[in-house]
C-alpha atoms as a PDB file:
ATOM      1  CA  MET A   1       0.000   0.000   0.000  1.00  0.00           C
ATOM      2  CA  THR A   2       2.837   2.383   0.795  1.00  0.00           C
ATOM      3  CA  THR A   3       4.406   1.716  -2.611  1.00  0.00           C
ATOM      4  CA  TRP A   4       1.119   2.581  -4.314  1.00  0.00           C
ATOM      5  CA  ALA A   5       0.765   5.704  -2.212  1.00  0.00           C
ATOM      6  CA  LYS A   6       4.280   6.825  -3.216  1.00  0.00           C
ATOM      7  CA  GLU A   7       3.417   6.216  -6.865  1.00  0.00           C
ATOM      8  CA  ASN A   8       0.309   8.368  -6.399  1.00  0.00           C
ATOM      9  CA  VAL A   9       2.443  11.183  -5.000  1.00  0.00           C
ATOM     10  CA  LYS A  10       4.612  11.050  -8.133  1.00  0.00           C
ATOM     11  CA  SER A  11       1.714  10.839 -10.568  1.00  0.00           C
ATOM     12  CA  SER A  12       0.068  13.775  -8.779  1.00  0.00           C
ATOM     13  CA  LYS A  13       3.313  15.765  -9.117  1.00  0.00           C
ATOM     14  CA  LEU A  14       3.567  16.265  -5.359  1.00  0.00           C
ATOM     15  CA  GLU A  15       7.146  15.035  -4.847  1.00  0.00           C
ATOM     16  CA  ASP A  16       8.210  18.485  -3.653  1.00  0.00           C
ATOM     17  CA  ARG A  17       5.535  18.485  -0.920  1.00  0.00           C
ATOM     18  CA  PRO A  18       6.133  17.304   2.667  1.00  0.00           C
ATOM     19  CA  VAL A  19       4.465  13.881   2.307  1.00  0.00           C
ATOM     20  CA  ARG A  20       5.432  11.366   4.970  1.00  0.00           C
ATOM     21  CA  PHE A  21       4.590   7.655   5.048  1.00  0.00           C
ATOM     22  CA  ILE A  22       4.462   5.855   8.361  1.00  0.00           C
ATOM     23  CA  VAL A  23       3.870   2.144   8.838  1.00  0.00           C
ATOM     24  CA  ASP A  24       2.881   1.695  12.473  1.00  0.00           C
ATOM     25  CA  ASP A  25       0.067   0.662  14.774  1.00  0.00           C
ATOM     26  CA  VAL A  26      -2.296   3.616  14.479  1.00  0.00           C
ATOM     27  CA  VAL A  27      -3.347   3.690  18.139  1.00  0.00           C
ATOM     28  CA  LYS A  28       0.276   3.671  19.312  1.00  0.00           C
ATOM     29  CA  PHE A  29       1.166   6.328  16.736  1.00  0.00           C
ATOM     30  CA  VAL A  30      -1.719   8.639  17.680  1.00  0.00           C
ATOM     31  CA  ASN A  31      -0.964   8.278  21.393  1.00  0.00           C
ATOM     32  CA  ARG A  32       2.675   9.284  20.691  1.00  0.00           C
ATOM     33  CA  GLU A  33       1.475  12.289  18.677  1.00  0.00           C
ATOM     34  CA  ILE A  34      -0.782  13.321  21.566  1.00  0.00           C
ATOM     35  CA  ARG A  35       2.171  13.167  23.987  1.00  0.00           C
ATOM     36  CA  ARG A  36       4.283  15.202  21.526  1.00  0.00           C
ATOM     37  CA  ASN A  37       1.425  17.699  21.143  1.00  0.00           C
ATOM     38  CA  ASN A  38       1.505  17.315  17.348  1.00  0.00           C
ATOM     39  CA  LYS A  39      -1.604  18.520  15.531  1.00  0.00           C
ATOM     40  CA  TYR A  40      -3.066  17.797  12.114  1.00  0.00           C
ATOM     41  CA  ASP A  41      -5.380  19.811   9.892  1.00  0.00           C
ATOM     42  CA  ALA A  42      -6.814  16.730   8.183  1.00  0.00           C
ATOM     43  CA  ILE A  43      -7.188  13.014   8.809  1.00  0.00           C
ATOM     44  CA  ILE A  44      -7.865  10.364   6.184  1.00  0.00           C
ATOM     45  CA  MET A  45      -8.760   7.010   7.645  1.00  0.00           C
ATOM     46  CA  ASP A  46      -9.037   3.694   5.795  1.00  0.00           C
ATOM     47  CA  PRO A  47      -9.111   1.140   8.605  1.00  0.00           C
ATOM     48  CA  PRO A  48      -9.258  -2.595   7.957  1.00  0.00           C
ATOM     49  CA  SER A  49     -12.324  -4.670   8.750  1.00  0.00           C
ATOM     50  CA  TYR A  50     -10.212  -7.036  10.825  1.00  0.00           C
ATOM     51  CA  GLY A  51      -6.566  -7.371  11.799  1.00  0.00           C
ATOM     52  CA  ARG A  52      -4.074  -8.756  14.284  1.00  0.00           C
ATOM     53  CA  GLY A  53      -1.105  -6.912  15.740  1.00  0.00           C
ATOM     54  CA  ALA A  54       2.379  -8.299  16.256  1.00  0.00           C
ATOM     55  CA  LYS A  55       1.529  -9.207  19.856  1.00  0.00           C
ATOM     56  CA  GLY A  56      -1.848 -10.769  19.066  1.00  0.00           C
ATOM     57  CA  GLU A  57      -3.879  -7.570  19.479  1.00  0.00           C
ATOM     58  CA  VAL A  58      -7.177  -7.832  17.632  1.00  0.00           C
ATOM     59  CA  TRP A  59      -8.683  -5.023  15.576  1.00  0.00           C
ATOM     60  CA  GLN A  60     -12.319  -5.375  14.605  1.00  0.00           C
ATOM     61  CA  PHE A  61     -13.905  -2.432  12.813  1.00  0.00           C
ATOM     62  CA  GLU A  62     -17.281  -2.722  14.502  1.00  0.00           C
ATOM     63  CA  ASN A  63     -15.733  -2.868  17.979  1.00  0.00           C
ATOM     64  CA  ASN A  64     -12.844  -0.419  17.628  1.00  0.00           C
ATOM     65  CA  ILE A  65     -13.681   2.318  15.124  1.00  0.00           C
ATOM     66  CA  TYR A  66     -15.487   4.673  17.509  1.00  0.00           C
ATOM     67  CA  ASP A  67     -12.593   4.676  19.996  1.00  0.00           C
ATOM     68  CA  LEU A  68     -10.110   5.272  17.169  1.00  0.00           C
ATOM     69  CA  VAL A  69     -12.079   8.223  15.772  1.00  0.00           C
ATOM     70  CA  GLU A  70     -12.420   9.701  19.257  1.00  0.00           C
ATOM     71  CA  LEU A  71      -8.687   9.259  19.885  1.00  0.00           C
ATOM     72  CA  CYS A  72      -7.817  10.916  16.562  1.00  0.00           C
ATOM     73  CA  THR A  73      -9.855  14.009  17.447  1.00  0.00           C
ATOM     74  CA  LYS A  74      -7.178  14.710  20.067  1.00  0.00           C
ATOM     75  CA  VAL A  75      -4.604  15.360  17.330  1.00  0.00           C
ATOM     76  CA  LEU A  76      -6.790  17.675  15.252  1.00  0.00           C
ATOM     77  CA  SER A  77      -5.649  21.275  15.043  1.00  0.00           C
ATOM     78  CA  ASP A  78      -7.802  24.088  16.425  1.00  0.00           C
ATOM     79  CA  ASN A  79      -9.052  24.785  12.899  1.00  0.00           C
ATOM     80  CA  PRO A  80      -9.126  21.433  11.048  1.00  0.00           C
ATOM     81  CA  LEU A  81     -10.077  21.140   7.384  1.00  0.00           C
ATOM     82  CA  PHE A  82     -11.559  17.654   7.178  1.00  0.00           C
ATOM     83  CA  PHE A  83     -11.825  14.172   8.673  1.00  0.00           C
ATOM     84  CA  LEU A  84     -12.549  11.333   6.244  1.00  0.00           C
ATOM     85  CA  ILE A  85     -13.299   7.682   6.996  1.00  0.00           C
ATOM     86  CA  ASN A  86     -13.970   4.998   4.447  1.00  0.00           C
ATOM     87  CA  SER A  87     -14.702   1.368   5.081  1.00  0.00           C
ATOM     88  CA  TYR A  88     -15.322  -1.820   3.181  1.00  0.00           C
ATOM     89  CA  THR A  89     -16.685  -3.606   6.242  1.00  0.00           C
ATOM     90  CA  THR A  90     -19.980  -5.278   5.491  1.00  0.00           C
ATOM     91  CA  GLY A  91     -22.884  -4.771   7.841  1.00  0.00           C
ATOM     92  CA  ILE A  92     -22.035  -1.156   8.742  1.00  0.00           C
ATOM     93  CA  SER A  93     -24.062   1.674   7.254  1.00  0.00           C
ATOM     94  CA  SER A  94     -22.776   5.085   6.261  1.00  0.00           C
ATOM     95  CA  THR A  95     -25.175   6.534   8.846  1.00  0.00           C
ATOM     96  CA  VAL A  96     -23.068   4.891  11.559  1.00  0.00           C
ATOM     97  CA  LEU A  97     -20.010   6.797  10.309  1.00  0.00           C
ATOM     98  CA  LYS A  98     -22.030  10.018  10.119  1.00  0.00           C
ATOM     99  CA  ASN A  99     -23.214   9.567  13.703  1.00  0.00           C
ATOM    100  CA  MET A 100     -19.670   8.844  14.887  1.00  0.00           C
ATOM    101  CA  LEU A 101     -18.348  12.013  13.275  1.00  0.00           C
ATOM    102  CA  GLU A 102     -21.198  13.989  14.802  1.00  0.00           C
ATOM    103  CA  LEU A 103     -20.504  12.631  18.303  1.00  0.00           C
ATOM    104  CA  THR A 104     -16.731  13.150  18.084  1.00  0.00           C
ATOM    105  CA  VAL A 105     -15.339  15.650  15.566  1.00  0.00           C
ATOM    106  CA  ASP A 106     -18.415  17.857  15.183  1.00  0.00           C
ATOM    107  CA  LYS A 107     -18.864  18.055  18.945  1.00  0.00           C
ATOM    108  CA  LYS A 108     -15.792  20.306  19.166  1.00  0.00           C
ATOM    109  CA  HIS A 109     -15.407  21.626  15.611  1.00  0.00           C
ATOM    110  CA  LYS A 110     -18.780  22.507  14.145  1.00  0.00           C
ATOM    111  CA  GLY A 111     -18.830  21.684  10.453  1.00  0.00           C
ATOM    112  CA  LYS A 112     -20.624  19.848   7.699  1.00  0.00           C
ATOM    113  CA  ILE A 113     -21.011  16.048   7.737  1.00  0.00           C
ATOM    114  CA  GLU A 114     -21.729  13.893   4.725  1.00  0.00           C
ATOM    115  CA  SER A 115     -21.900  10.127   4.370  1.00  0.00           C
ATOM    116  CA  GLY A 116     -22.799   7.635   1.694  1.00  0.00           C
ATOM    117  CA  GLU A 117     -21.872   4.603  -0.333  1.00  0.00           C
ATOM    118  CA  ILE A 118     -18.726   4.035  -2.358  1.00  0.00           C
ATOM    119  CA  GLY A 119     -19.414   2.283  -5.635  1.00  0.00           C
ATOM    120  CA  LEU A 120     -17.992   1.370  -9.008  1.00  0.00           C
ATOM    121  CA  PRO A 121     -20.041   2.100 -12.118  1.00  0.00           C
ATOM    122  CA  MET A 122     -20.602  -1.028 -14.173  1.00  0.00           C
ATOM    123  CA  GLU A 123     -19.671  -0.935 -17.848  1.00  0.00           C
ATOM    124  CA  ASP A 124     -22.529  -0.731 -20.327  1.00  0.00           C
ATOM    125  CA  SER A 125     -25.003  -0.193 -17.501  1.00  0.00           C
ATOM    126  CA  LYS A 126     -26.447   2.486 -15.265  1.00  0.00           C
ATOM    127  CA  LEU A 127     -25.909   0.189 -12.285  1.00  0.00           C
ATOM    128  CA  VAL A 128     -23.346   0.836  -9.568  1.00  0.00           C
ATOM    129  CA  LEU A 129     -21.598  -1.981  -7.722  1.00  0.00           C
ATOM    130  CA  PRO A 130     -21.580  -1.069  -3.999  1.00  0.00           C
ATOM    131  CA  CYS A 131     -18.107  -1.422  -2.516  1.00  0.00           C
ATOM    132  CA  GLY A 132     -18.129   0.356   0.813  1.00  0.00           C
ATOM    133  CA  ILE A 133     -19.132   3.441   2.743  1.00  0.00           C
ATOM    134  CA  TYR A 134     -17.644   6.795   3.676  1.00  0.00           C
ATOM    135  CA  GLY A 135     -18.190   9.508   6.239  1.00  0.00           C
ATOM    136  CA  ARG A 136     -16.713  12.993   5.888  1.00  0.00           C
ATOM    137  CA  TRP A 137     -16.623  15.933   8.258  1.00  0.00           C
ATOM    138  CA  GLU A 138     -15.413  19.212   6.803  1.00  0.00           C
ATOM    139  CA  LYS A 139     -15.197  22.714   8.113  1.00  0.00           C
ATOM    140  CA  LYS A 140     -17.926  25.076   6.980  1.00  0.00           C
END
């Protein structure tokens, strides 16, 4: 994934921008950033449906996403631009992501929340193949 992301930076002609790639446990990383008092203007989140850490820690989207979103609000700047979550976890609706953003990010930083489905248009058809969901908070 990091290799693809680096290729995207090149194809977007952003090599001269301060883009940093970090491969780490997100909860550990965010907790370190909180201790360092580092702040971010935007967060893009693409968490897995399920995963296991090096020490057997279990990540399950349905059980852990709210706590992760809440934790990440602690590293948002005083005037953030956006907070985006997308998910390919089945059984979760985009309304759940909208509600989470409302209860966490929007609670402190009043903005606009949007949520919906992610889909791929099918060739030779007006149909869209549903692939996932997204939730986005952005400043007004």
